Amino acid sequence: MIPVETVEDFYRSAWDSVPPPIPDLPITTEERTPLLENIISISEVSKKLAKAENSAPGPDRLTYHHWRSLPQGHKFLATTFNVCLHFQKVPAAWKKTTTILIPKSLLDLDNPANWRPIALSNTIYKIFTKVLAGRLQDWSTKFNVLSHCQKGFTPFDGVLEHNFILQTRLESARAHKKDLCVAWLDVTNAFGALPHPLIYKALQAAGTGDQFIKIIKDIYTDCSTSILTNDSATSPISIKSGVKQGCPISGLLFNMSIDHILRRVQGDLTDHRILAFADDLCLIGDSREDLQDMLDVVFEEMSRIGLLLNPGKSFSLHLSASTPVNVPDSLFSLGPDTIKPILEFEFTKFLGKPVGFNPVSDYSSFNNFADCAKKILDSQLSPWQKMDAMKSFIFPAMQFSMRTGQFKKEDWTLLDEAIRHAVKEILFLPERASNEYIYGHTKAGCVGLPISAEESDLNRVDSAFKLLTSHDEIVAQLALKNLRNSVAKRVRILNPTDDDMSDFMTGSLDIDEDDKPHSNPYSNIWTTARVASRRQKIQWLFSEGHPRLKFQDLIIKSSSRRKILFTIRNRLRQDRSQVLQNKPDQGKAMECVAQSPISSHFIANGLYTRFSEYRFIHRTRLNLLPLNGLPWKDGPVKRCRRCNKANLETLPHVINHCEVHSRAWQLRHDSIQNRVVNAAENSKAEILSINKKFVKEFNLRPDIILKLDGKLYIIDIVCPFENRLDRFEKAKDEKRRKYQVLVDHFHQQNITAEIIPIVVGALGSWDTENDRFLSKIMSRSYLKKLSKLCVSDNIRWARDIYIEHVTGHRQFDVSAIIADPLFRPQEPPTSEDPLAVPINSPPPPCSVTLLVPPAVPSTSVEQGDAAGLKK
């Protein structure tokens, strides 16, 4: 822990300093309209506020959610911002921030320089600067203000494009046996040391207009921050230099401040000589002398504006033209210091990707993924929290390594196997459980976990497509040229056609055989993408050099380049869900579950669901619970352990047909009926009858009869077992047949009547046809809540019935339920739950002699009506 005094002294010396005299910058000769020519519109504010992600609030403790929920909030904000523009000032409270420190690495944490300061500003200020940043970005793009070599904080895939350009130059030099020298430079405290006068001069030279410059000046005038430490905070520290990391406009202001350096190094040459991502700089020279000249220029220019280069964190690489190609330990100087050369098998990271000559793969980051996943899956989080953490943190963290192709598919496959095994243990699923349940679509009732090996393939395809369709014409043309060269070498023709490129990227050349494309003489982004495309059955289509992707019946054009991953991933998950539903055993219930996302609402958050039910339902819906009558169960006893009426003890029999549990059927039915009645009582409908004979001539007792808008509705609740969708339809048809005589009776009296079967599956499947009627007596939001409650109620009853069946111990309190129809029982002790054991361990033995006295059927359960169709 660093003492607060040390932190304050360090940052006070870094920020509260007088900058050197700033030289004049080249002023544009182009006529450019002022950046703030128009006032800020309400729609402009609305777009920025809608895209703002909830983050830590500033000193006023207000979040973006507060501003979104404020009536007429967008109008208020737009008016406030325009007042600021009119007076060219911002409120003093906007200039005060709280700063937190984030470690840059886990090394030397006692040194404040190894911590990154992130400013937490008031959200109203951040919305304002988001609008200004949007204006500045659009204006810069319109007039080409920034060098095409700068990709930080711009609407490009900068990390991908810069790494591609560097890799292409290295490949070309190696193939043509030419020298290539590269240097990666680190700027010391780049954002914190940027002089404010430099920002103003850069904006003036670019022609942003006086109004914009004055508002930026006021933002940085009398600006201060307090830095939070473990046990206290520093006194307010004046920020007299630097831009605030965490401020939406800081990145663009930094880019404009160093743009003149990039332009001087790049000159008018076509090939990139410098690659910049904000303060991450990479110089590329054709010879040792060329690179050293560029280093001298950058060192000189940075010194003139008060920024220092750090030779200790800068590196160089000299790719020699000799035969064989090698990397000599050539030394380059950065001012008076020498920077370290990268030798063969070594690497440095440029924008997160290891770069070098034959670098040894860095598996430390890959192992970190596995370690973090293991810690989450072994943690004390609830099962749904573990799944959410995996989806929210682990898999997104892997994406960069996938996009940049740092690891092989075989590596990701090994990780998938380990994660899948752990996830099945968490969900109490046996190994024989279908993997499609883990990886299928969440809307179809599956867990929806990504497959990292598949994601790796999709990201390789996505990266290749994004390069070819880049909004930077220089990058797009270079990508197409590089692809043509790769195809030409593969098919040995001088000018490959669109068809050749299509066949190459699809992996369907004449030389491609078996299940994978033919090997390539060297690997690059195109060869890895074609292998991935072949594996995932993605077809490439080129027309005049412009690519499209075809996956099954989907066509993805360049206009949808940002939707590639979502589109293909979504279809693959749908396909896996369909495969699961088509399975003859594990797919029966899932076919019913898939009809409505409500049926699986609890998977992501455990809402209205006890841990014991969460352990129970996954196995149950896949028909994997241990019972005597299952085909894979050993032993001669297949009969039901509770009754003498079933030769096979199956799940449908236990949940819906074993009459020992008739009392539970009745209470299950009544819980749904009570919820519908409560909703109807709070609507404009008139309840005429509840579970009573309504017409004397007919011995029929519908659950509910109500009158709404002059029409009678005959409502009856049914809980069929999920044995394919046709079971639901048969249940509804039976109800309509049964009560049709009442409809005919009312029709003779000129009264319109309709039969409404309310169907909720015994395992919690919600029939979407229920919504058509229920939406007439309740709001959409309450219908959503009611349907979730009904689903969770039936899952609870299914669990209680099963546990009672195998243990002989009643799982519900009848008196408590009768006293309070909406009673929800507490979580049973884990020690009393036979399913709360490691899934691959044998279940505890259950004596078939333990019988539960059968409950007396209630009048709401009709004798002779099939248990699978009633209650």
Foldseek 3Di string as FASTA:
>chain_A
DADQVVLVVVLLVLFVDDFDDFDFDAADPDDADALPPDQDDLVLLVVLLVPDDWDQAWPVRDTSVVLVPDVCSSVVLSVQLRVCLVVLADDPLQLEWAWEWAACDPPPPNDSQRTDIATHGHVSSLSSLLSVQVSVQVRCVVVVLFDPLEDAPHPFPQLLLVVQLVVVVVVVCQVQLFKKKKKKWAWRVLQLAQAPVLLLSLCVSSPNDDSVSSSVVNSLPQHWYWYDDDPGIHDTRRRRHGDHHNRSNSQVSLRSSCRSLLCVLQPPDLRRQWHHHRRTIMGMDRDPVSRLVSLASVLVNCVSRRIHIDLAPMEMWIFGSDVPIFTDQDWHANVVHIHGYAGPQGFDDRSRRTDDHPHDQDCPVVVVLLVVLVCLLPDPDQLLVSLVCCVPPSLVVCLVCLLQVRDALVSLQVSQVVNLVSNCQNLLHDPPFDCLLACADLLLVRSNRDRNSLSSLLSLLLSLLCQCLTPPVSSNVVSLVVLQVQLCVVVVDDGDDQVSSQCQLQLNDPCQDDQFHDDGPDDDSSNSNSRSNSNQVKTWGDDPSAIWIDDPNDIGHSVNSVCSSVVSSNVVNNVSLVVQLPDQQQNQLSQLQSVGSLLNVCSNPNPLAFSLLSSPQVCVSRQNDDALQDPPDDDDQQAQLADDPGSHDGLQCLLFNVLLCQVLQVLLQVLLLVVLVVLQVPFPKAWDAAQDDDDVVDPDGARTWIADPQAIEREHEWAAARRHPVLVVVLVVVQCVVCVVVQVVVVVVVHHYDYHYAYAYLSQRGDPVNCVPSVNRHPPVVVSVSSSNSSNSSSVSSSQSVLCSQAVDHDDDVVVCVVPVNDDDDHDDLVSRQSSDRSPDDTDHGRSVNYHHRDDRDSQDDPPPRSNSHD
